[in-house]
Amino acid sequence: MEQEKLWNSNYVKVWLANFMIFFSFMIVTPLLPLYLSETYQADKDTIGFVLSGYTLTALLARPISGYLVDSYSRRLVLLTCYFLFFALFAGYLIAGTMTLFAIIRTAHGMPMGAVTVANSTSAIDVLHPARRAEGIGYYGLSNNLATSMAPTVGLIIYEEIGNYNIIFLIALAAAGIGLAINATVHFP
C-alpha cells in the first residue's frame, strides 16, 4: 500500500508561514532589552515589565483563538490574526514613547498567541490523517529552526548596521512573507 504524501504544497506553505512567525518574533527578541535601554533609558524593571506584557497577552489569546478557529472560517481567522501580527511590527517603528511602545508590544502578544493556534490547526487540516503525527513533529521543527537562527541573524545585522529600525523592518518583512504564503493555502 502506498503511503500518503507528507510534504504536500499546502503543508509546505503552512510550515514556511510558521517559520516566518517565529523568525520575525525571534529576530527582535534579543535586541528589545537593548533597544528599550538605549532608546528610552528604561531600567531593568521597566524592561521586564514591558516585555512580559507580550507573553501575558499571548497566553490569554490562545484559548479564545482556539474557540474562534473552531467556530468560524479557519482561513479567515488565520489570515486576520496573521495580518494583525504582521501589522503590529510596524508599530515598533512608529512608537515615539516608552508608553506607546509598551502598549504596542503588549497588544502584539494577542495576535501572536492567536496566529500560532490558527496556523497549527491549519497544519493539521492540510495533512493527511495517516501522516498527522509525523507532520506535526516536522511542523514543530519550523519553530525550533526559526528560534535557533533568528536571534543570531538579528544580532549580526545589528552589529553590522547598528540600527534597530532595520531589525524591525526585517521582522515586518518576514511576517509579511508568511502572511502572503498563508494567503495561498487551500484548505480541504
Protein backbone atom coordinates (compact mmCIF):
# COMPACT_ATOMS: atom_id res chain seq x y z
CA MET A 1 0.00 0.00 0.00
CA GLU A 2 1.38 3.41 -1.00
CA GLN A 3 1.84 5.89 1.82
CA GLU A 4 0.13 9.30 1.54
CA LYS A 5 2.34 12.29 0.71
CA LEU A 6 3.52 14.22 3.77
CA TRP A 7 5.08 17.30 2.18
CA ASN A 8 2.14 18.44 0.06
CA SER A 9 2.16 22.03 -1.20
CA ASN A 10 -0.29 23.29 1.41
CA TYR A 11 1.66 21.71 4.24
CA VAL A 12 4.89 23.25 2.97
CA LYS A 13 3.19 26.66 2.85
CA VAL A 14 1.84 26.39 6.40
CA TRP A 15 5.25 25.12 7.56
CA LEU A 16 7.03 28.09 5.96
CA ALA A 17 4.46 30.54 7.31
CA ASN A 18 5.04 29.14 10.80
CA PHE A 19 8.79 29.52 10.33
CA MET A 20 8.20 33.18 9.43
CA ILE A 21 6.04 33.74 12.53
CA PHE A 22 8.82 32.59 14.81
CA PHE A 23 11.63 34.13 12.74
CA SER A 24 10.01 37.57 12.82
CA PHE A 25 9.31 37.25 16.54
CA MET A 26 12.75 35.94 17.49
CA ILE A 27 14.82 38.32 15.36
CA VAL A 28 13.77 41.22 17.61
CA THR A 29 13.63 39.38 20.94
CA PRO A 30 17.31 39.55 21.98
CA LEU A 31 17.56 43.20 20.94
CA LEU A 32 14.50 44.57 22.72
CA PRO A 33 16.16 45.00 26.14
CA LEU A 34 18.99 46.94 24.49
CA TYR A 35 16.54 48.95 22.40
CA LEU A 36 14.44 49.94 25.42
CA SER A 37 17.51 50.80 27.45
CA GLU A 38 19.22 52.84 24.74
CA THR A 39 16.17 54.48 23.17
CA TYR A 40 14.03 55.17 26.24
CA GLN A 41 16.64 54.88 29.02
CA ALA A 42 14.48 52.17 30.61
CA ASP A 43 15.76 50.42 33.72
CA LYS A 44 15.75 46.63 34.15
CA ASP A 45 12.42 46.53 35.97
CA THR A 46 10.69 48.58 33.29
CA ILE A 47 12.19 46.45 30.54
CA GLY A 48 10.97 43.28 32.24
CA PHE A 49 7.51 44.77 32.70
CA VAL A 50 7.24 45.88 29.06
CA LEU A 51 8.46 42.56 27.68
CA SER A 52 6.24 40.45 29.95
CA GLY A 53 3.08 42.10 28.60
CA TYR A 54 3.58 40.35 25.27
CA THR A 55 3.78 36.93 26.89
CA LEU A 56 0.75 37.55 29.07
CA THR A 57 -1.50 38.63 26.19
CA ALA A 58 -0.24 35.76 24.01
CA LEU A 59 -1.23 33.30 26.74
CA LEU A 60 -4.64 34.92 27.20
CA ALA A 61 -5.32 34.86 23.46
CA ARG A 62 -4.73 31.14 22.98
CA PRO A 63 -7.95 29.73 24.49
CA ILE A 64 -10.03 32.41 22.77
CA SER A 65 -8.33 31.79 19.44
CA GLY A 66 -8.94 28.06 19.78
CA TYR A 67 -12.64 28.81 20.09
CA LEU A 68 -12.53 31.19 17.10
CA VAL A 69 -10.71 28.67 14.91
CA ASP A 70 -13.33 26.03 15.70
CA SER A 71 -16.31 28.38 15.35
CA TYR A 72 -15.51 30.45 12.25
CA SER A 73 -13.77 30.06 8.92
CA ARG A 74 -10.25 28.84 9.69
CA ARG A 75 -8.89 30.69 6.72
CA LEU A 76 -10.49 33.96 7.84
CA VAL A 77 -9.28 33.59 11.44
CA LEU A 78 -5.79 32.60 10.29
CA LEU A 79 -5.38 35.46 7.84
CA THR A 80 -6.89 38.04 10.20
CA CYS A 81 -4.62 37.00 13.06
CA TYR A 82 -1.59 36.83 10.80
CA PHE A 83 -2.36 40.28 9.38
CA LEU A 84 -2.60 41.78 12.88
CA PHE A 85 0.64 40.03 13.86
CA PHE A 86 2.29 41.49 10.74
CA ALA A 87 0.82 45.00 11.13
CA LEU A 88 1.84 45.45 14.75
CA PHE A 89 5.50 45.13 13.80
CA ALA A 90 5.01 48.49 12.06
CA GLY A 91 4.05 49.90 15.45
CA TYR A 92 7.58 49.30 16.68
CA LEU A 93 8.78 51.69 14.01
CA ILE A 94 6.36 54.49 14.91
CA ALA A 95 6.29 54.24 18.71
CA GLY A 96 7.78 57.51 19.86
CA THR A 97 7.41 57.00 23.59
CA MET A 98 8.04 54.21 26.04
CA THR A 99 4.34 54.10 26.91
CA LEU A 100 3.28 53.74 23.28
CA PHE A 101 5.92 51.07 22.68
CA ALA A 102 4.71 49.16 25.76
CA ILE A 103 1.10 49.32 24.54
CA ILE A 104 2.03 48.13 21.04
CA ARG A 105 4.27 45.37 22.36
CA THR A 106 1.60 44.14 24.78
CA ALA A 107 -1.09 44.28 22.08
CA HIS A 108 1.23 42.36 19.75
CA GLY A 109 1.07 39.33 22.02
CA MET A 110 -2.60 38.75 21.22
CA PRO A 111 -2.20 38.08 17.50
CA MET A 112 0.98 36.10 18.22
CA GLY A 113 -0.94 33.77 20.52
CA ALA A 114 -3.84 33.56 18.10
CA VAL A 115 -1.85 33.07 14.90
CA THR A 116 0.19 30.22 16.36
CA VAL A 117 -3.02 28.40 17.29
CA ALA A 118 -4.66 29.12 13.93
CA ASN A 119 -1.58 28.12 11.95
CA SER A 120 -1.11 24.88 13.90
CA THR A 121 -4.73 23.99 13.28
CA SER A 122 -4.20 24.73 9.60
CA ALA A 123 -1.25 22.35 9.53
CA ILE A 124 -3.45 19.60 10.94
CA ASP A 125 -6.14 20.39 8.36
CA VAL A 126 -3.83 20.10 5.36
CA LEU A 127 -2.11 16.90 6.50
CA HIS A 128 -3.43 13.50 5.52
CA PRO A 129 -4.87 11.81 8.66
CA ALA A 130 -2.41 8.93 8.33
CA ARG A 131 0.56 11.34 8.41
CA ARG A 132 -0.62 13.87 11.02
CA ALA A 133 1.59 12.79 13.93
CA GLU A 134 4.69 12.80 11.75
CA GLY A 135 3.65 16.05 10.09
CA ILE A 136 3.10 17.84 13.39
CA GLY A 137 6.55 16.70 14.51
CA TYR A 138 8.12 18.31 11.45
CA TYR A 139 5.86 21.32 11.87
CA GLY A 140 7.32 21.89 15.35
CA LEU A 141 10.74 21.83 13.76
CA SER A 142 9.88 25.05 11.92
CA ASN A 143 9.53 26.81 15.32
CA ASN A 144 12.83 25.37 16.51
CA LEU A 145 14.74 26.31 13.36
CA ALA A 146 13.46 29.87 13.41
CA THR A 147 14.06 30.20 17.15
CA SER A 148 17.63 28.98 16.79
CA MET A 149 18.50 31.07 13.73
CA ALA A 150 16.71 34.40 14.10
CA PRO A 151 18.36 35.79 17.26
CA THR A 152 21.80 35.23 15.76
CA VAL A 153 20.75 36.82 12.47
CA GLY A 154 19.31 39.81 14.34
CA LEU A 155 22.41 40.29 16.45
CA ILE A 156 24.73 40.02 13.45
CA ILE A 157 22.69 42.51 11.43
CA TYR A 158 22.53 44.92 14.35
CA GLU A 159 26.27 44.59 14.95
CA GLU A 160 26.96 45.38 11.27
CA ILE A 161 24.37 48.13 10.77
CA GLY A 162 23.66 49.42 14.28
CA ASN A 163 20.05 50.37 13.56
CA TYR A 164 17.09 48.90 15.42
CA ASN A 165 14.65 50.06 12.77
CA ILE A 166 16.32 47.78 10.21
CA ILE A 167 15.67 44.82 12.52
CA PHE A 168 12.04 45.91 12.95
CA LEU A 169 11.71 46.22 9.17
CA ILE A 170 13.15 42.73 8.66
CA ALA A 171 10.68 41.36 11.22
CA LEU A 172 7.85 43.18 9.43
CA ALA A 173 9.00 41.80 6.07
CA ALA A 174 9.32 38.23 7.40
CA ALA A 175 5.82 38.40 8.87
CA GLY A 176 4.55 39.85 5.58
CA ILE A 177 6.11 37.00 3.63
CA GLY A 178 4.48 34.49 5.98
CA LEU A 179 1.12 36.21 5.56
CA ALA A 180 1.47 36.14 1.77
CA ILE A 181 2.37 32.45 1.86
CA ASN A 182 -0.61 31.61 4.07
CA ALA A 183 -2.92 33.54 1.76
CA THR A 184 -2.22 30.89 -0.91
CA VAL A 185 -3.06 27.85 1.26
CA HIS A 186 -6.06 25.84 0.03
CA PHE A 187 -7.97 24.28 2.91
CA PRO A 188 -9.78 20.98 2.45
